Every structure is written in structure tokens, then in C-alpha cells.
Amino acid sequence: MNIEYITCSDMREHNDIDEIIDLGKKYPCAEFAIQAHPSKFSPSMPRYVWFDTLVHALRVNKIKIAMHVNSEYRTEVCSYGVVPYHLRRLWEIRRIDGTPVIGRVQININGGNDIFEFHADKVADIIRAYPDIKFIFQYTSAQHGRISKLDKKHVPFALLYDASGGCGISPDSWYGPVFPNHQMGYSGGLSPENVVDNLNEINEILPADYSTWIDAEGKLKSPDSNGKKVFDVALAEKYIERAYRWQILNGYQR
């Protein structure tokens, strides 16, 4: 299998922007994702201002970044077909070559309060409005009905298999692609220590020429001076480096 993205989730305003950029330059397959929800990611809030600064800094290079949409923002997208302006303006920022700086947007429909209306036609309209952005939806068996409805709209999207709903718990087993026309990625309990073992397991269930990605969050954090766990660039680099080394030894390169 080919690892298209090695995703590191939940970078925040305490992280040094230059460190993120340097790590992205060192490993072009690395992707860095911000978690967007209104309680911490609204205009003028530190996290929003920090990410806005990062996005503008990346207009001149190819470092991969993503936005993971949660809570009320998720509901606005899925129930009402509305992208809040302050998210939309970030999606529309482009590099000097014309490509969007935010290459992928993940809509977290599983985990937390997932009791909300999912209108596939409204979601499909948003996907069509942003053809240069890759959209991702969390997938578990509980979300199969929602994903089936969206699949019938014949729009492109990818799926992230995350049985724990963002809680960072490894699944009992990994599952192969459920929808043949939609790329499947994998998340749940991945860490620098176990990423190689998990890649070996995932590789067993995917076709040899399959292109996928992996996503880690909770186990890329360490306590700050106040004891709060925050995104740790050093841990992220260990995770990326070990996955990258696995790719060189076992995967294929496009």
C-alpha cells in the first residue's frame, strides 16, 4: 500500500509555526490538521488567529494542512448545508500556484454528540462547491446509512475509519474499504510506538496498490508546564519518521 498522508491532528496556538513548516518540508507526506469548533475556533480567538497566520504563511509552499470540522460547525454543514463564513474564507485561501492551502476538510460525523440531521443533498452541494478540496467523513458501521446516502449523490469524498469516534482507542481489528469508489484512511490509538505494527496490520487488508493515509492525535501530545496535554512536535516527528520509514521499506512510491 501507499501512504499518501501521515496526518498529525490537533496542532494549536501554543505550537511554533516555523517548527510546523520545517517538519512539513522535511516530510512532504506529512499533513497537519487543526480541530475547528466554535468554542475555541471562532474569529479573534487565539487558535483561529494562529491558524490564519499559518495558512497565509503556507501560500508560498506545498506543506499539507487540513481542517477537521466538529460540533456546531459540523451540524451547520451536514444539517443546513451552510459553511460558516470564517471557515469558508480559510478554505478559499490559495497558494501562488492557485491550489487551496487547506487541501482536505474532514467532517467529524461520528463521536461526541452525533445526534443531528444529515442531509446528503446539502452536503453534496458543498462538496461540489469546492472541487479542489478533498472532503473526508468519519466512518463506522453506525454511520453506514449516512455515508450510503451521500454515496448515491455521486460526489467525491474519502472515509476515515475511526471506530472510537475520535477517542484515540485502537480497534479490535481494521477493516478494508467499504465503498470501492471512496478512499479509506485509518485512525484510532496510533502512536510513535505502535504505528509500525498497525501499518503491518492495515497492509494485510488492503490491495497492494491501494493509496491510504493514517491519522494520529491523542498520542502525539505531552503535558505542558501546567500539566495540560498539548500537541508535541517532537512526538509528531517520531510518528511521521517511523511511518515514512515503513513506507520506504514496505510500501510503494508513486
Protein backbone atom coordinates (compact mmCIF):
# COMPACT_ATOMS: atom_id res chain seq x y z
CA MET A 1 0.00 0.00 0.00
CA ASN A 2 0.99 3.60 -0.42
CA ILE A 3 0.72 6.09 2.47
CA GLU A 4 -0.45 9.30 0.84
CA TYR A 5 -0.77 11.30 4.06
CA ILE A 6 0.69 10.85 7.53
CA THR A 7 -1.69 13.08 9.44
CA CYS A 8 -0.90 14.75 12.76
CA SER A 9 -4.05 16.19 14.32
CA ASP A 10 -4.79 18.96 16.81
CA MET A 11 -1.89 21.33 16.45
CA ARG A 12 -2.72 24.53 18.32
CA GLU A 13 -1.71 28.11 19.04
CA HIS A 14 0.99 27.05 21.51
CA ASN A 15 2.93 25.44 18.62
CA ASP A 16 5.63 27.36 16.81
CA ILE A 17 4.60 27.94 13.20
CA ASP A 18 8.16 27.65 11.92
CA GLU A 19 8.51 24.23 13.56
CA ILE A 20 5.38 23.02 11.77
CA ILE A 21 6.67 24.38 8.47
CA ASP A 22 10.13 22.85 8.94
CA LEU A 23 8.65 19.43 9.73
CA GLY A 24 6.39 19.62 6.70
CA LYS A 25 9.35 20.46 4.48
CA LYS A 26 11.32 17.52 5.88
CA TYR A 27 8.49 15.05 5.26
CA PRO A 28 6.32 16.06 2.27
CA CYS A 29 3.82 13.27 3.03
CA ALA A 30 3.09 14.76 6.48
CA GLU A 31 -0.20 16.57 6.99
CA PHE A 32 -1.09 18.82 9.92
CA ALA A 33 -4.74 19.23 10.95
CA ILE A 34 -6.48 21.85 13.08
CA GLN A 35 -9.58 20.95 15.07
CA ALA A 36 -12.30 23.52 14.36
CA HIS A 37 -15.22 24.03 16.73
CA PRO A 38 -16.83 27.32 17.78
CA SER A 39 -15.79 27.19 21.44
CA LYS A 40 -12.09 27.53 20.50
CA PHE A 41 -12.02 28.36 16.79
CA SER A 42 -14.05 31.50 16.19
CA PRO A 43 -12.79 34.84 14.81
CA SER A 44 -10.39 36.71 17.11
CA MET A 45 -9.80 33.64 19.28
CA PRO A 46 -6.09 32.73 19.64
CA ARG A 47 -6.38 29.41 17.81
CA TYR A 48 -8.18 30.95 14.85
CA VAL A 49 -5.70 33.83 14.60
CA TRP A 50 -2.77 31.39 14.86
CA PHE A 51 -4.14 29.13 12.13
CA ASP A 52 -4.96 32.08 9.89
CA THR A 53 -1.32 33.15 10.22
CA LEU A 54 -0.16 29.63 9.33
CA VAL A 55 -2.44 29.44 6.30
CA HIS A 56 -1.10 32.70 4.92
CA ALA A 57 2.49 31.60 5.57
CA LEU A 58 1.85 28.47 3.51
CA ARG A 59 0.76 30.33 0.39
CA VAL A 60 4.34 30.04 -0.86
CA ASN A 61 4.99 26.34 -0.26
CA LYS A 62 3.41 22.90 -0.52
CA ILE A 63 3.12 21.80 3.10
CA LYS A 64 -0.06 19.79 3.63
CA ILE A 65 -2.63 21.07 6.13
CA ALA A 66 -6.22 20.10 6.84
CA MET A 67 -9.21 21.26 8.86
CA HIS A 68 -11.30 18.87 10.96
CA VAL A 69 -14.80 20.27 11.47
CA ASN A 70 -16.58 19.47 14.74
CA SER A 71 -19.59 20.22 16.94
CA GLU A 72 -21.90 23.04 15.82
CA TYR A 73 -19.83 23.68 12.70
CA ARG A 74 -20.33 20.04 11.70
CA THR A 75 -24.07 20.38 12.24
CA GLU A 76 -24.28 23.55 10.15
CA VAL A 77 -22.58 21.76 7.27
CA CYS A 78 -24.49 18.49 7.48
CA SER A 79 -27.95 19.67 8.57
CA TYR A 80 -28.24 23.03 6.85
CA GLY A 81 -25.68 22.93 4.05
CA VAL A 82 -24.02 26.07 5.42
CA VAL A 83 -20.29 26.69 5.77
CA PRO A 84 -19.71 29.48 8.32
CA TYR A 85 -18.02 32.45 6.68
CA HIS A 86 -14.94 32.35 8.90
CA LEU A 87 -14.31 28.74 7.85
CA ARG A 88 -15.12 29.41 4.22
CA ARG A 89 -12.64 32.29 3.97
CA LEU A 90 -9.87 29.92 5.10
CA TRP A 91 -10.92 27.25 2.61
CA GLU A 92 -10.70 29.82 -0.18
CA ILE A 93 -7.13 31.00 0.51
CA ARG A 94 -4.88 29.78 -2.29
CA ARG A 95 -1.22 29.29 -2.89
CA ILE A 96 0.55 31.30 -5.52
CA ASP A 97 0.09 28.33 -7.89
CA GLY A 98 -3.70 28.54 -7.49
CA THR A 99 -4.24 25.43 -5.34
CA PRO A 100 -6.02 25.72 -1.96
CA VAL A 101 -3.73 25.92 1.07
CA ILE A 102 -6.16 23.71 3.01
CA GLY A 103 -6.14 20.61 0.86
CA ARG A 104 -8.50 18.44 2.89
CA VAL A 105 -11.50 19.06 5.14
CA GLN A 106 -12.72 16.31 7.47
CA ILE A 107 -16.31 16.45 8.74
CA ASN A 108 -16.44 14.57 12.03
CA ILE A 109 -19.86 12.93 12.00
CA ASN A 110 -19.02 10.18 14.49
CA GLY A 111 -18.33 10.53 18.19
CA GLY A 112 -19.35 13.19 20.65
CA ASN A 113 -22.90 14.38 20.07
CA ASP A 114 -23.58 12.68 16.74
CA ILE A 115 -27.36 13.14 17.04
CA PHE A 116 -28.01 15.57 14.21
CA GLU A 117 -29.74 15.54 10.87
CA PHE A 118 -27.58 14.54 7.92
CA HIS A 119 -28.91 15.84 4.61
CA ALA A 120 -26.85 14.19 1.90
CA ASP A 121 -28.10 16.56 -0.79
CA LYS A 122 -26.93 19.63 1.15
CA VAL A 123 -23.56 18.04 1.94
CA ALA A 124 -23.13 17.09 -1.72
CA ASP A 125 -23.76 20.68 -2.76
CA ILE A 126 -20.92 21.84 -0.51
CA ILE A 127 -18.57 19.23 -1.95
CA ARG A 128 -19.43 20.37 -5.47
CA ALA A 129 -18.81 24.00 -4.49
CA TYR A 130 -15.20 23.19 -3.51
CA PRO A 131 -13.92 20.80 -6.18
CA ASP A 132 -10.26 21.43 -5.30
CA ILE A 133 -10.68 20.33 -1.67
CA LYS A 134 -10.80 16.67 -0.66
CA PHE A 135 -13.61 16.02 1.82
CA ILE A 136 -13.40 13.27 4.43
CA PHE A 137 -16.10 11.75 6.65
CA GLN A 138 -15.55 9.53 9.66
CA TYR A 139 -16.77 6.01 9.07
CA THR A 140 -18.02 3.28 11.40
CA SER A 141 -20.88 0.84 10.94
CA ALA A 142 -23.08 3.31 12.85
CA GLN A 143 -22.53 5.87 10.09
CA HIS A 144 -23.11 3.49 7.19
CA GLY A 145 -26.59 4.82 6.44
CA ARG A 146 -25.43 8.42 6.22
CA ILE A 147 -22.48 7.51 4.02
CA SER A 148 -24.66 5.35 1.76
CA LYS A 149 -26.96 8.32 1.14
CA LEU A 150 -24.01 10.56 0.31
CA ASP A 151 -22.52 7.91 -1.98
CA LYS A 152 -25.71 7.97 -4.02
CA LYS A 153 -25.15 11.68 -4.74
CA HIS A 154 -22.14 10.76 -6.91
CA VAL A 155 -19.73 13.27 -5.41
CA PRO A 156 -16.10 12.56 -4.50
CA PHE A 157 -15.19 12.06 -0.86
CA ALA A 158 -12.97 9.89 1.33
CA LEU A 159 -13.63 7.99 4.56
CA LEU A 160 -11.65 7.75 7.78
CA TYR A 161 -12.16 4.50 9.66
CA ASP A 162 -12.19 5.51 13.34
CA ALA A 163 -14.11 3.05 15.48
CA SER A 164 -13.54 5.06 18.67
CA GLY A 165 -15.08 8.26 17.31
CA GLY A 166 -12.00 10.36 17.95
CA CYS A 167 -11.27 8.92 21.42
CA GLY A 168 -7.89 7.51 20.40
CA ILE A 169 -8.70 3.86 21.11
CA SER A 170 -7.29 1.17 18.85
CA PRO A 171 -9.92 -1.07 17.20
CA ASP A 172 -10.04 -4.81 17.74
CA SER A 173 -9.35 -5.14 14.03
CA TRP A 174 -9.01 -2.93 10.98
CA TYR A 175 -11.46 -3.14 8.09
CA GLY A 176 -10.83 -2.89 4.40
CA PRO A 177 -12.52 -0.31 2.16
CA VAL A 178 -16.32 -0.41 2.49
CA PHE A 179 -17.17 1.75 -0.51
CA PRO A 180 -15.00 0.86 -3.53
CA ASN A 181 -15.24 4.36 -5.02
CA HIS A 182 -14.13 6.16 -1.86
CA GLN A 183 -10.63 6.07 -0.41
CA MET A 184 -10.35 4.78 3.17
CA GLY A 185 -7.90 6.07 5.76
CA TYR A 186 -7.26 4.81 9.29
CA SER A 187 -7.24 6.29 12.78
CA GLY A 188 -7.58 5.13 16.38
CA GLY A 189 -4.88 4.83 19.01
CA LEU A 190 -1.95 5.34 16.62
CA SER A 191 1.29 6.44 18.26
CA PRO A 192 5.01 6.63 17.52
CA GLU A 193 5.39 3.36 19.43
CA ASN A 194 2.73 1.30 17.64
CA VAL A 195 2.47 2.85 14.19
CA VAL A 196 4.70 0.25 12.54
CA ASP A 197 2.74 -2.69 13.95
CA ASN A 198 -0.54 -1.10 12.91
CA LEU A 199 0.74 -0.37 9.42
CA ASN A 200 1.66 -4.03 9.09
CA GLU A 201 -1.90 -4.99 10.04
CA ILE A 202 -3.54 -2.43 7.76
CA ASN A 203 -1.29 -3.51 4.90
CA GLU A 204 -2.67 -7.04 5.21
CA ILE A 205 -6.24 -5.94 4.47
CA LEU A 206 -5.58 -3.55 1.58
CA PRO A 207 -4.72 -4.24 -2.06
CA ALA A 208 -1.03 -3.91 -2.84
CA ASP A 209 -1.59 -0.81 -4.96
CA TYR A 210 -4.03 0.90 -2.56
CA SER A 211 -3.35 4.51 -1.55
CA THR A 212 -4.38 5.32 2.02
CA TRP A 213 -3.49 7.55 4.97
CA ILE A 214 -3.19 7.35 8.75
CA ASP A 215 -4.20 9.90 11.37
CA ALA A 216 -2.92 10.24 14.95
CA GLU A 217 -3.89 12.75 17.61
CA GLY A 218 -4.04 11.89 21.31
CA LYS A 219 -0.75 10.03 21.48
CA LEU A 220 1.08 12.93 19.82
CA LYS A 221 0.52 15.03 22.95
CA SER A 222 2.58 15.58 26.09
CA PRO A 223 1.99 17.69 29.23
CA ASP A 224 2.88 21.37 29.14
CA SER A 225 4.11 23.38 32.15
CA ASN A 226 0.56 23.35 33.56
CA GLY A 227 0.10 19.63 33.08
CA LYS A 228 -2.27 20.02 30.14
CA LYS A 229 -1.63 17.64 27.25
CA VAL A 230 -0.84 19.53 24.06
CA PHE A 231 0.42 18.72 20.56
CA ASP A 232 4.13 17.83 20.73
CA VAL A 233 6.10 18.43 17.54
CA ALA A 234 8.87 16.07 18.68
CA LEU A 235 6.38 13.21 19.15
CA ALA A 236 4.79 14.05 15.82
CA GLU A 237 8.17 13.77 14.12
CA LYS A 238 8.78 10.32 15.64
CA TYR A 239 5.40 9.15 14.39
CA ILE A 240 5.96 10.61 10.92
CA GLU A 241 9.51 9.29 10.65
CA ARG A 242 8.57 5.74 11.62
CA ALA A 243 5.61 5.67 9.24
CA TYR A 244 7.78 7.17 6.50
CA ARG A 245 10.49 4.55 7.10
CA TRP A 246 7.85 1.80 6.93
CA GLN A 247 6.69 3.22 3.62
CA ILE A 248 10.21 3.13 2.19
CA LEU A 249 10.75 -0.47 3.28
CA ASN A 250 7.30 -1.93 2.61
CA GLY A 251 5.13 0.39 0.58
CA TYR A 252 5.30 1.70 -2.92
CA GLN A 253 6.15 5.16 -4.16
CA ARG A 254 4.12 6.85 -6.85
